[in-house]
Amino acid sequence: MTKQYTSDPKGRKFLSAAAFLLTLVIIFALNILRQYVKEKFPQYLPDTTSLPEKLIIVLMIIFAAIYVVFIVIFLPMWYKTIRYILKDNEIISCSGLISKTYRIMKLSAIQHASRTVSYTHLRAHETGAYL
């Protein structure tokens, strides 16, 4: 018996949101840097847009473009490559755009618990205080 599963789209949404927030933070930091340089060194940055200010603006545009490429192109393509194949005695994980990565886990290596245990029992295992 073989079953195939794909990745959860919620994970992709989370990564998209995290990348968006990171991009906003980087662009915000670059804008603060631009304002700081403009206030601290007014002799180097006249009223017209100077070369350092243009460089910072270009970096902001580059980070925005990287975000778009990552979210719109790369992330959906990568998420489509993630597969989990469940066979009778093993789980195979497959992912990758450029090179495929396969991970095989034998089900015999997984311990199954058939009875419930108390919270105290679980805490004893965590702390090493076997009661």
Protein backbone atom coordinates (compact mmCIF):
# COMPACT_ATOMS: atom_id res chain seq x y z
CA MET A 1 0.00 0.00 0.00
CA THR A 2 1.46 3.37 -1.05
CA LYS A 3 0.06 6.81 -0.23
CA GLN A 4 1.45 10.16 -1.33
CA TYR A 5 1.12 13.43 0.60
CA THR A 6 2.11 16.97 -0.27
CA SER A 7 3.14 19.91 1.90
CA ASP A 8 0.68 22.05 3.79
CA PRO A 9 -0.08 25.40 2.06
CA LYS A 10 -0.25 27.09 5.48
CA GLY A 11 3.52 26.72 5.74
CA ARG A 12 4.01 28.58 2.49
CA LYS A 13 1.73 31.37 3.69
CA PHE A 14 3.75 31.62 6.89
CA LEU A 15 7.03 31.82 4.96
CA SER A 16 5.54 34.44 2.64
CA ALA A 17 4.46 36.56 5.60
CA ALA A 18 7.83 36.16 7.33
CA ALA A 19 9.70 37.14 4.15
CA PHE A 20 7.41 40.14 3.69
CA LEU A 21 8.07 41.32 7.26
CA LEU A 22 11.82 40.82 6.83
CA THR A 23 11.77 42.81 3.60
CA LEU A 24 9.85 45.63 5.27
CA VAL A 25 12.34 45.72 8.14
CA ILE A 26 15.31 45.86 5.74
CA ILE A 27 13.73 48.61 3.63
CA PHE A 28 12.78 50.55 6.77
CA ALA A 29 16.35 50.22 8.11
CA LEU A 30 17.80 51.43 4.81
CA ASN A 31 15.45 54.41 4.85
CA ILE A 32 16.53 55.26 8.42
CA LEU A 33 20.17 54.95 7.28
CA ARG A 34 19.46 57.33 4.40
CA GLN A 35 17.89 59.89 6.74
CA TYR A 36 20.69 59.51 9.29
CA VAL A 37 23.39 60.11 6.66
CA LYS A 38 21.45 63.08 5.33
CA GLU A 39 21.20 64.67 8.80
CA LYS A 40 24.69 63.75 10.06
CA PHE A 41 26.61 64.66 6.91
CA PRO A 42 24.66 67.43 5.15
CA GLN A 43 27.80 68.64 3.37
CA TYR A 44 28.01 65.33 1.49
CA LEU A 45 24.32 65.09 0.71
CA PRO A 46 23.02 68.34 -0.77
CA ASP A 47 19.33 68.98 -1.37
CA THR A 48 19.47 67.18 -4.68
CA THR A 49 19.67 63.41 -4.62
CA SER A 50 23.34 62.48 -4.24
CA LEU A 51 25.17 59.29 -5.10
CA PRO A 52 25.04 57.70 -1.59
CA GLU A 53 21.33 58.44 -1.34
CA LYS A 54 20.73 56.98 -4.78
CA LEU A 55 22.70 53.89 -3.74
CA ILE A 56 20.49 53.38 -0.68
CA ILE A 57 17.34 53.83 -2.78
CA VAL A 58 18.68 51.29 -5.30
CA LEU A 59 19.34 48.83 -2.44
CA MET A 60 15.75 49.30 -1.25
CA ILE A 61 14.48 48.54 -4.75
CA ILE A 62 16.75 45.47 -5.00
CA PHE A 63 15.43 44.06 -1.72
CA ALA A 64 11.85 44.62 -2.87
CA ALA A 65 12.63 42.83 -6.15
CA ILE A 66 14.27 39.93 -4.30
CA TYR A 67 11.15 39.61 -2.17
CA VAL A 68 8.92 39.46 -5.24
CA VAL A 69 11.10 36.84 -6.91
CA PHE A 70 11.24 34.76 -3.72
CA ILE A 71 7.51 34.89 -2.94
CA VAL A 72 6.01 34.85 -6.41
CA ILE A 73 8.40 32.49 -8.20
CA PHE A 74 10.74 30.46 -5.97
CA LEU A 75 8.58 29.61 -2.97
CA PRO A 76 5.60 28.16 -4.91
CA MET A 77 7.94 26.14 -7.14
CA TRP A 78 9.81 24.74 -4.12
CA TYR A 79 6.60 23.88 -2.27
CA LYS A 80 5.34 21.91 -5.28
CA THR A 81 8.43 19.69 -5.10
CA ILE A 82 7.82 18.55 -1.51
CA ARG A 83 6.36 15.05 -1.36
CA TYR A 84 5.93 12.44 1.33
CA ILE A 85 5.40 8.86 0.24
CA LEU A 86 4.12 6.40 2.82
CA LYS A 87 4.76 2.74 2.03
CA ASP A 88 4.11 -0.33 4.11
CA ASN A 89 7.35 -0.15 6.07
CA GLU A 90 8.90 3.27 5.32
CA ILE A 91 8.29 6.98 4.84
CA ILE A 92 10.10 8.71 1.97
CA SER A 93 10.50 12.49 1.97
CA CYS A 94 11.41 14.15 -1.34
CA SER A 95 12.11 17.84 -1.99
CA GLY A 96 14.32 20.20 -3.99
CA LEU A 97 14.32 22.37 -7.08
CA ILE A 98 17.85 22.08 -8.40
CA SER A 99 18.82 18.79 -6.80
CA LYS A 100 16.39 16.32 -5.28
CA THR A 101 16.84 15.34 -1.65
CA TYR A 102 15.42 12.05 -0.47
CA ARG A 103 15.09 10.98 3.14
CA ILE A 104 13.97 7.47 4.01
CA MET A 105 12.76 6.50 7.48
CA LYS A 106 11.93 2.93 8.36
CA LEU A 107 8.71 2.57 10.29
CA SER A 108 10.28 -0.13 12.42
CA ALA A 109 12.56 2.57 13.88
CA ILE A 110 9.57 4.51 15.20
CA GLN A 111 8.38 3.57 18.65
CA HIS A 112 4.65 3.31 19.06
CA ALA A 113 3.00 3.96 22.41
CA SER A 114 -0.07 1.85 22.94
CA ARG A 115 -1.01 3.07 26.39
CA THR A 116 -1.54 6.47 27.94
CA VAL A 117 0.74 7.73 30.67
CA SER A 118 0.33 10.45 33.26
CA TYR A 119 1.79 13.93 33.02
CA THR A 120 3.97 13.14 36.05
CA HIS A 121 5.42 10.16 34.21
CA LEU A 122 6.26 12.33 31.19
CA ARG A 123 7.86 15.02 33.38
CA ALA A 124 9.92 12.37 35.12
CA HIS A 125 11.38 11.32 31.77
CA GLU A 126 12.10 14.94 30.80
CA THR A 127 13.85 15.80 34.06
CA GLY A 128 15.58 12.47 34.57
CA ALA A 129 13.91 12.01 37.94
CA TYR A 130 12.54 8.53 37.39
CA LEU A 131 9.87 7.95 40.00
